[in-house]
């Protein structure tokens, strides 16, 4: 079985390439569509930065439905199925506020893990790398 693209790229949420200069990007970007990180920790850091800093604080998106509608738009995803799957895996209703990231870190990590499962098609995640990625993100100012 082939390793999921998100794992090969150390990018568990399949963050698309953009003008953003993420910490920990590989010097050589050989994937035309998605960012490639030096380690899974840096991939998780970028994911948490987007979810908690950009989506929560900048865009003011507080629920699974609001986040996934922006993250995985219907023109390229089955957005409803994505929302339902993340909600089912986390036990957080689609329109229930996730909470302030600094107050509810476990809920944000659960949402990110569920999104990674959706994005990669597997539950075989490195949760220790995820925790280190959370710390990298939270300690960055």
N, C-alpha and C. Protein backbone atom coordinates (compact mmCIF):
# COMPACT_ATOMS: atom_id res chain seq x y z
N UNK A 1 0.84 -1.19 0.00
CA UNK A 1 0.00 0.00 0.00
C UNK A 1 0.89 1.25 0.00
N UNK A 2 0.50 2.23 -0.80
CA UNK A 2 1.30 3.45 -0.91
C UNK A 2 1.05 4.37 0.29
N UNK A 3 2.12 5.02 0.74
CA UNK A 3 2.03 5.98 1.83
C UNK A 3 1.20 7.18 1.37
N UNK A 4 0.24 7.64 2.19
CA UNK A 4 -0.56 8.80 1.79
C UNK A 4 0.31 10.03 1.50
N UNK A 5 -0.12 10.80 0.54
CA UNK A 5 0.59 12.00 0.12
C UNK A 5 0.90 12.93 1.30
N UNK A 6 -0.08 13.12 2.19
CA UNK A 6 0.11 13.99 3.34
C UNK A 6 1.23 13.52 4.25
N UNK A 7 1.47 12.19 4.31
CA UNK A 7 2.58 11.65 5.09
C UNK A 7 3.89 11.83 4.35
N UNK A 8 3.89 11.55 3.04
CA UNK A 8 5.12 11.72 2.24
C UNK A 8 5.60 13.16 2.30
N UNK A 9 4.65 14.10 2.37
CA UNK A 9 4.98 15.52 2.40
C UNK A 9 5.15 16.07 3.82
N UNK A 10 4.98 15.22 4.85
CA UNK A 10 4.96 15.69 6.24
C UNK A 10 3.94 16.82 6.40
N UNK A 11 2.80 16.68 5.75
CA UNK A 11 1.77 17.71 5.67
C UNK A 11 0.42 17.03 5.91
N UNK A 12 0.09 16.71 7.17
CA UNK A 12 -1.07 15.87 7.45
C UNK A 12 -2.42 16.47 7.06
N UNK A 13 -2.51 17.79 6.92
CA UNK A 13 -3.77 18.41 6.50
C UNK A 13 -3.74 18.85 5.04
N UNK A 14 -2.70 18.44 4.31
CA UNK A 14 -2.57 18.77 2.88
C UNK A 14 -2.73 20.26 2.63
N UNK A 15 -1.89 21.05 3.28
CA UNK A 15 -1.89 22.50 3.08
C UNK A 15 -1.34 22.78 1.68
N UNK A 16 -2.10 23.55 0.94
CA UNK A 16 -1.70 23.88 -0.43
C UNK A 16 -0.53 24.85 -0.46
N UNK A 17 0.27 24.73 -1.50
CA UNK A 17 1.36 25.68 -1.71
C UNK A 17 0.78 27.07 -1.94
N UNK A 18 1.47 28.07 -1.43
CA UNK A 18 1.02 29.45 -1.56
C UNK A 18 2.25 30.35 -1.39
N UNK A 19 2.01 31.63 -1.27
CA UNK A 19 3.11 32.57 -1.04
C UNK A 19 3.62 32.49 0.39
N UNK A 20 2.87 31.83 1.29
CA UNK A 20 3.29 31.72 2.69
C UNK A 20 4.63 30.99 2.79
N UNK A 21 5.53 31.55 3.57
CA UNK A 21 6.84 30.94 3.82
C UNK A 21 6.80 30.27 5.19
N UNK A 22 6.29 29.05 5.22
CA UNK A 22 6.14 28.33 6.48
C UNK A 22 7.48 27.97 7.07
N UNK A 23 7.57 27.97 8.39
CA UNK A 23 8.74 27.43 9.07
C UNK A 23 8.81 25.94 8.76
N UNK A 24 10.02 25.46 8.54
CA UNK A 24 10.20 24.03 8.34
C UNK A 24 9.88 23.52 6.95
N UNK A 25 9.68 24.40 5.97
CA UNK A 25 9.45 23.93 4.60
C UNK A 25 10.73 23.29 4.08
N UNK A 26 10.59 22.21 3.34
CA UNK A 26 11.75 21.61 2.68
C UNK A 26 12.31 22.62 1.68
N UNK A 27 13.62 22.61 1.53
CA UNK A 27 14.27 23.52 0.57
C UNK A 27 13.77 23.23 -0.84
N UNK A 28 13.62 21.95 -1.18
CA UNK A 28 13.12 21.56 -2.49
C UNK A 28 11.65 21.18 -2.37
N UNK A 29 10.80 21.90 -3.08
CA UNK A 29 9.37 21.60 -3.11
C UNK A 29 9.07 20.89 -4.43
N UNK A 30 8.90 19.57 -4.36
CA UNK A 30 8.69 18.78 -5.59
C UNK A 30 7.23 18.45 -5.85
N UNK A 31 6.34 18.74 -4.89
CA UNK A 31 4.91 18.52 -5.09
C UNK A 31 4.32 19.83 -5.64
N UNK A 32 3.71 19.75 -6.78
CA UNK A 32 3.20 20.97 -7.44
C UNK A 32 2.04 21.61 -6.69
N UNK A 33 1.31 20.82 -5.91
CA UNK A 33 0.09 21.34 -5.28
C UNK A 33 0.22 21.61 -3.79
N UNK A 34 0.93 20.75 -3.06
CA UNK A 34 0.93 20.81 -1.60
C UNK A 34 2.31 21.10 -1.02
N UNK A 35 2.34 21.79 0.11
CA UNK A 35 3.58 22.07 0.82
C UNK A 35 4.25 20.78 1.26
N UNK A 36 5.57 20.82 1.30
CA UNK A 36 6.35 19.71 1.82
C UNK A 36 7.22 20.24 2.96
N UNK A 37 7.10 19.59 4.12
CA UNK A 37 7.80 20.04 5.32
C UNK A 37 8.95 19.10 5.65
N UNK A 38 9.94 19.64 6.39
CA UNK A 38 11.11 18.85 6.80
C UNK A 38 10.74 17.73 7.75
N UNK A 39 9.72 17.95 8.57
CA UNK A 39 9.29 16.92 9.53
C UNK A 39 7.78 17.03 9.72
N UNK A 40 7.21 15.98 10.27
CA UNK A 40 5.77 15.99 10.54
C UNK A 40 5.43 17.06 11.57
N UNK A 41 6.36 17.32 12.51
CA UNK A 41 6.11 18.37 13.51
C UNK A 41 5.86 19.71 12.84
N UNK A 42 6.65 20.03 11.81
CA UNK A 42 6.46 21.31 11.12
C UNK A 42 5.16 21.32 10.31
N UNK A 43 4.78 20.17 9.78
CA UNK A 43 3.49 20.09 9.09
C UNK A 43 2.33 20.34 10.04
N UNK A 44 2.42 19.74 11.23
CA UNK A 44 1.39 19.97 12.25
C UNK A 44 1.42 21.42 12.73
N UNK A 45 2.62 21.99 12.90
CA UNK A 45 2.72 23.38 13.33
C UNK A 45 1.96 24.28 12.37
N UNK A 46 2.18 24.09 11.06
CA UNK A 46 1.50 24.90 10.06
C UNK A 46 -0.01 24.68 10.12
N UNK A 47 -0.43 23.44 10.30
CA UNK A 47 -1.85 23.14 10.39
C UNK A 47 -2.48 23.86 11.59
N UNK A 48 -1.84 23.78 12.74
CA UNK A 48 -2.38 24.44 13.93
C UNK A 48 -2.33 25.96 13.79
N UNK A 49 -1.30 26.47 13.12
CA UNK A 49 -1.23 27.92 12.90
C UNK A 49 -2.44 28.36 12.06
N UNK A 50 -2.70 27.62 10.98
CA UNK A 50 -3.84 27.98 10.14
C UNK A 50 -5.15 27.87 10.90
N UNK A 51 -5.34 26.76 11.62
CA UNK A 51 -6.61 26.55 12.32
C UNK A 51 -6.83 27.55 13.45
N UNK A 52 -5.80 27.76 14.29
CA UNK A 52 -6.02 28.56 15.50
C UNK A 52 -5.71 30.04 15.31
N UNK A 53 -4.72 30.35 14.51
CA UNK A 53 -4.34 31.76 14.33
C UNK A 53 -5.13 32.39 13.18
N UNK A 54 -5.14 31.71 12.04
CA UNK A 54 -5.79 32.30 10.87
C UNK A 54 -7.30 32.07 10.89
N UNK A 55 -7.73 30.80 10.98
CA UNK A 55 -9.16 30.52 10.90
C UNK A 55 -9.91 31.03 12.13
N UNK A 56 -9.38 30.77 13.32
CA UNK A 56 -10.08 31.18 14.54
C UNK A 56 -9.94 32.69 14.78
N UNK A 57 -8.71 33.17 14.89
CA UNK A 57 -8.50 34.57 15.30
C UNK A 57 -8.72 35.58 14.17
N UNK A 58 -8.30 35.26 12.95
CA UNK A 58 -8.42 36.23 11.86
C UNK A 58 -9.78 36.14 11.17
N UNK A 59 -10.16 34.93 10.72
CA UNK A 59 -11.43 34.76 10.01
C UNK A 59 -12.63 34.62 10.94
N UNK A 60 -12.37 34.41 12.24
CA UNK A 60 -13.44 34.26 13.24
C UNK A 60 -14.34 33.04 12.94
N UNK A 61 -13.71 31.93 12.59
CA UNK A 61 -14.42 30.68 12.33
C UNK A 61 -14.29 29.82 13.58
N UNK A 62 -15.42 29.54 14.21
CA UNK A 62 -15.42 28.91 15.54
C UNK A 62 -15.97 27.49 15.57
N UNK A 63 -16.51 27.01 14.46
CA UNK A 63 -17.16 25.70 14.45
C UNK A 63 -16.55 24.81 13.37
N UNK A 64 -16.78 23.51 13.51
CA UNK A 64 -16.32 22.56 12.50
C UNK A 64 -16.91 22.91 11.15
N UNK A 65 -18.21 23.21 11.09
CA UNK A 65 -18.84 23.51 9.81
C UNK A 65 -18.18 24.73 9.15
N UNK A 66 -17.99 25.80 9.90
CA UNK A 66 -17.41 27.02 9.33
C UNK A 66 -15.98 26.78 8.85
N UNK A 67 -15.20 26.05 9.64
CA UNK A 67 -13.80 25.78 9.28
C UNK A 67 -13.73 24.92 8.03
N UNK A 68 -14.47 23.81 8.01
CA UNK A 68 -14.39 22.87 6.89
C UNK A 68 -14.94 23.48 5.61
N UNK A 69 -15.98 24.32 5.72
CA UNK A 69 -16.51 24.95 4.51
C UNK A 69 -15.44 25.81 3.83
N UNK A 70 -14.56 26.42 4.62
CA UNK A 70 -13.47 27.22 4.05
C UNK A 70 -12.30 26.31 3.65
N UNK A 71 -11.97 25.35 4.50
CA UNK A 71 -10.82 24.47 4.27
C UNK A 71 -11.03 23.57 3.05
N UNK A 72 -12.20 23.01 2.93
CA UNK A 72 -12.49 21.99 1.91
C UNK A 72 -13.75 22.38 1.14
N UNK A 73 -13.66 23.40 0.27
CA UNK A 73 -14.84 23.89 -0.42
C UNK A 73 -15.47 22.85 -1.34
N UNK A 74 -16.79 22.98 -1.56
CA UNK A 74 -17.52 21.98 -2.34
C UNK A 74 -17.02 21.81 -3.78
N UNK A 75 -16.34 22.81 -4.34
CA UNK A 75 -15.86 22.65 -5.71
C UNK A 75 -14.72 21.63 -5.82
N UNK A 76 -14.12 21.25 -4.68
CA UNK A 76 -13.07 20.24 -4.74
C UNK A 76 -13.22 19.11 -3.72
N UNK A 77 -14.29 19.14 -2.92
CA UNK A 77 -14.49 18.12 -1.88
C UNK A 77 -15.98 17.84 -1.70
N UNK A 78 -16.25 16.69 -1.06
CA UNK A 78 -17.60 16.43 -0.56
C UNK A 78 -17.62 17.06 0.84
N UNK A 79 -17.88 18.36 0.87
CA UNK A 79 -17.76 19.14 2.11
C UNK A 79 -18.69 18.62 3.20
N UNK A 80 -19.91 18.26 2.84
CA UNK A 80 -20.86 17.77 3.84
C UNK A 80 -20.34 16.49 4.50
N UNK A 81 -19.80 15.57 3.71
CA UNK A 81 -19.26 14.32 4.26
C UNK A 81 -18.04 14.61 5.13
N UNK A 82 -17.22 15.56 4.72
CA UNK A 82 -16.03 15.96 5.49
C UNK A 82 -16.47 16.50 6.85
N UNK A 83 -17.43 17.41 6.87
CA UNK A 83 -17.95 17.98 8.12
C UNK A 83 -18.51 16.87 9.00
N UNK A 84 -19.33 16.01 8.42
CA UNK A 84 -19.96 14.93 9.19
C UNK A 84 -18.90 14.00 9.80
N UNK A 85 -17.87 13.68 9.03
CA UNK A 85 -16.83 12.77 9.51
C UNK A 85 -16.03 13.40 10.65
N UNK A 86 -15.64 14.66 10.51
CA UNK A 86 -14.88 15.33 11.57
C UNK A 86 -15.73 15.45 12.83
N UNK A 87 -16.99 15.77 12.65
CA UNK A 87 -17.90 15.89 13.80
C UNK A 87 -18.06 14.53 14.50
N UNK A 88 -18.25 13.47 13.72
CA UNK A 88 -18.42 12.13 14.29
C UNK A 88 -17.16 11.70 15.04
N UNK A 89 -16.00 11.90 14.43
CA UNK A 89 -14.75 11.47 15.06
C UNK A 89 -14.46 12.23 16.34
N UNK A 90 -14.77 13.52 16.37
CA UNK A 90 -14.44 14.35 17.53
C UNK A 90 -15.52 14.34 18.61
N UNK A 91 -16.76 14.02 18.22
CA UNK A 91 -17.88 14.13 19.15
C UNK A 91 -18.32 15.58 19.35
N UNK A 92 -17.85 16.47 18.49
CA UNK A 92 -18.23 17.89 18.55
C UNK A 92 -19.24 18.14 17.43
N UNK A 93 -20.41 18.66 17.78
CA UNK A 93 -21.45 18.92 16.78
C UNK A 93 -20.93 19.94 15.76
N UNK A 94 -21.39 19.85 14.51
CA UNK A 94 -20.89 20.73 13.45
C UNK A 94 -20.99 22.23 13.76
N UNK A 95 -22.04 22.63 14.49
CA UNK A 95 -22.24 24.05 14.77
C UNK A 95 -21.95 24.44 16.21
N UNK A 96 -21.33 23.52 16.95
CA UNK A 96 -20.95 23.79 18.34
C UNK A 96 -19.60 24.51 18.35
N UNK A 97 -19.48 25.64 19.05
CA UNK A 97 -18.17 26.31 19.12
C UNK A 97 -17.11 25.37 19.70
N UNK A 98 -15.96 25.33 19.05
CA UNK A 98 -14.88 24.45 19.50
C UNK A 98 -14.27 24.98 20.80
N UNK A 99 -14.24 26.29 20.94
CA UNK A 99 -13.67 26.91 22.14
C UNK A 99 -12.42 27.70 21.80
N UNK A 100 -11.97 28.48 22.75
CA UNK A 100 -10.75 29.26 22.57
C UNK A 100 -9.57 28.29 22.56
N UNK A 101 -8.72 28.35 21.53
CA UNK A 101 -7.63 27.36 21.43
C UNK A 101 -6.78 27.23 22.69
N UNK A 102 -6.46 28.33 23.34
CA UNK A 102 -5.61 28.25 24.54
C UNK A 102 -6.35 27.63 25.72
N UNK A 103 -7.69 27.70 25.72
CA UNK A 103 -8.50 27.11 26.79
C UNK A 103 -8.89 25.66 26.50
N UNK A 104 -9.00 25.31 25.23
CA UNK A 104 -9.50 23.99 24.82
C UNK A 104 -8.55 23.32 23.84
N UNK A 105 -7.28 23.17 24.20
CA UNK A 105 -6.33 22.60 23.22
C UNK A 105 -6.69 21.20 22.76
N UNK A 106 -7.23 20.38 23.66
CA UNK A 106 -7.55 19.00 23.27
C UNK A 106 -8.63 18.97 22.19
N UNK A 107 -9.58 19.89 22.26
CA UNK A 107 -10.64 19.93 21.23
C UNK A 107 -10.06 20.33 19.88
N UNK A 108 -9.13 21.29 19.86
CA UNK A 108 -8.51 21.72 18.60
C UNK A 108 -7.62 20.61 18.05
N UNK A 109 -6.91 19.90 18.93
CA UNK A 109 -6.09 18.79 18.46
C UNK A 109 -6.97 17.67 17.90
N UNK A 110 -8.12 17.44 18.53
CA UNK A 110 -9.05 16.42 18.04
C UNK A 110 -9.57 16.79 16.65
N UNK A 111 -9.93 18.06 16.46
CA UNK A 111 -10.41 18.51 15.15
C UNK A 111 -9.32 18.33 14.11
N UNK A 112 -8.09 18.75 14.43
CA UNK A 112 -6.99 18.60 13.48
C UNK A 112 -6.71 17.13 13.17
N UNK A 113 -6.74 16.28 14.19
CA UNK A 113 -6.51 14.84 13.96
C UNK A 113 -7.59 14.27 13.06
N UNK A 114 -8.85 14.64 13.30
CA UNK A 114 -9.95 14.15 12.46
C UNK A 114 -9.79 14.66 11.02
N UNK A 115 -9.36 15.90 10.87
CA UNK A 115 -9.12 16.44 9.53
C UNK A 115 -7.98 15.69 8.84
N UNK A 116 -6.94 15.34 9.60
CA UNK A 116 -5.82 14.58 9.02
C UNK A 116 -6.28 13.19 8.59
N UNK A 117 -7.15 12.57 9.38
CA UNK A 117 -7.71 11.26 9.00
C UNK A 117 -8.49 11.41 7.70
N UNK A 118 -9.29 12.45 7.59
CA UNK A 118 -10.07 12.71 6.37
C UNK A 118 -9.12 12.96 5.19
N UNK A 119 -8.10 13.76 5.41
CA UNK A 119 -7.19 14.14 4.33
C UNK A 119 -6.30 12.99 3.86
N UNK A 120 -5.84 12.15 4.79
CA UNK A 120 -4.89 11.08 4.44
C UNK A 120 -5.56 9.73 4.21
N UNK A 121 -6.78 9.58 4.70
CA UNK A 121 -7.47 8.31 4.52
C UNK A 121 -7.03 7.23 5.48
N UNK A 122 -6.33 7.60 6.55
CA UNK A 122 -5.87 6.60 7.51
C UNK A 122 -5.91 7.17 8.93
N UNK A 123 -6.06 6.28 9.90
CA UNK A 123 -6.00 6.69 11.31
C UNK A 123 -4.59 6.52 11.88
N UNK A 124 -3.64 6.08 11.06
CA UNK A 124 -2.27 5.80 11.52
C UNK A 124 -1.47 7.09 11.62
N UNK A 125 -1.90 7.98 12.51
CA UNK A 125 -1.23 9.27 12.69
C UNK A 125 -0.17 9.16 13.78
N UNK A 126 0.85 10.01 13.69
CA UNK A 126 1.87 10.12 14.73
C UNK A 126 1.40 11.21 15.70
N UNK A 127 0.74 10.77 16.77
CA UNK A 127 0.15 11.73 17.70
C UNK A 127 1.22 12.46 18.52
N UNK A 128 2.39 11.87 18.67
CA UNK A 128 3.47 12.56 19.37
C UNK A 128 3.99 13.72 18.52
N UNK A 129 4.11 13.50 17.21
CA UNK A 129 4.49 14.59 16.31
C UNK A 129 3.42 15.68 16.34
N UNK A 130 2.16 15.28 16.43
CA UNK A 130 1.08 16.26 16.50
C UNK A 130 1.23 17.12 17.76
N UNK A 131 1.49 16.49 18.89
CA UNK A 131 1.67 17.25 20.14
C UNK A 131 2.87 18.19 20.06
N UNK A 132 3.96 17.72 19.46
CA UNK A 132 5.13 18.59 19.30
C UNK A 132 4.81 19.74 18.35
N UNK A 133 4.02 19.48 17.32
CA UNK A 133 3.60 20.54 16.40
C UNK A 133 2.74 21.58 17.09
N UNK A 134 1.86 21.12 17.99
CA UNK A 134 1.04 22.06 18.78
C UNK A 134 1.96 22.97 19.60
N UNK A 135 2.94 22.37 20.26
CA UNK A 135 3.87 23.16 21.08
C UNK A 135 4.65 24.15 20.23
N UNK A 136 5.12 23.72 19.05
CA UNK A 136 5.83 24.63 18.16
C UNK A 136 4.95 25.84 17.80
N UNK A 137 3.69 25.56 17.52
CA UNK A 137 2.76 26.63 17.15
C UNK A 137 2.47 27.55 18.33
N UNK A 138 2.20 26.97 19.49
CA UNK A 138 1.82 27.78 20.65
C UNK A 138 2.99 28.61 21.17
N UNK A 139 4.21 28.12 20.99
CA UNK A 139 5.38 28.85 21.48
C UNK A 139 5.89 29.89 20.50
N UNK A 140 5.28 29.95 19.32
CA UNK A 140 5.63 30.96 18.32
C UNK A 140 4.77 32.20 18.51
N UNK A 141 5.39 33.33 18.49
CA UNK A 141 4.62 34.57 18.57
C UNK A 141 4.99 35.50 17.44
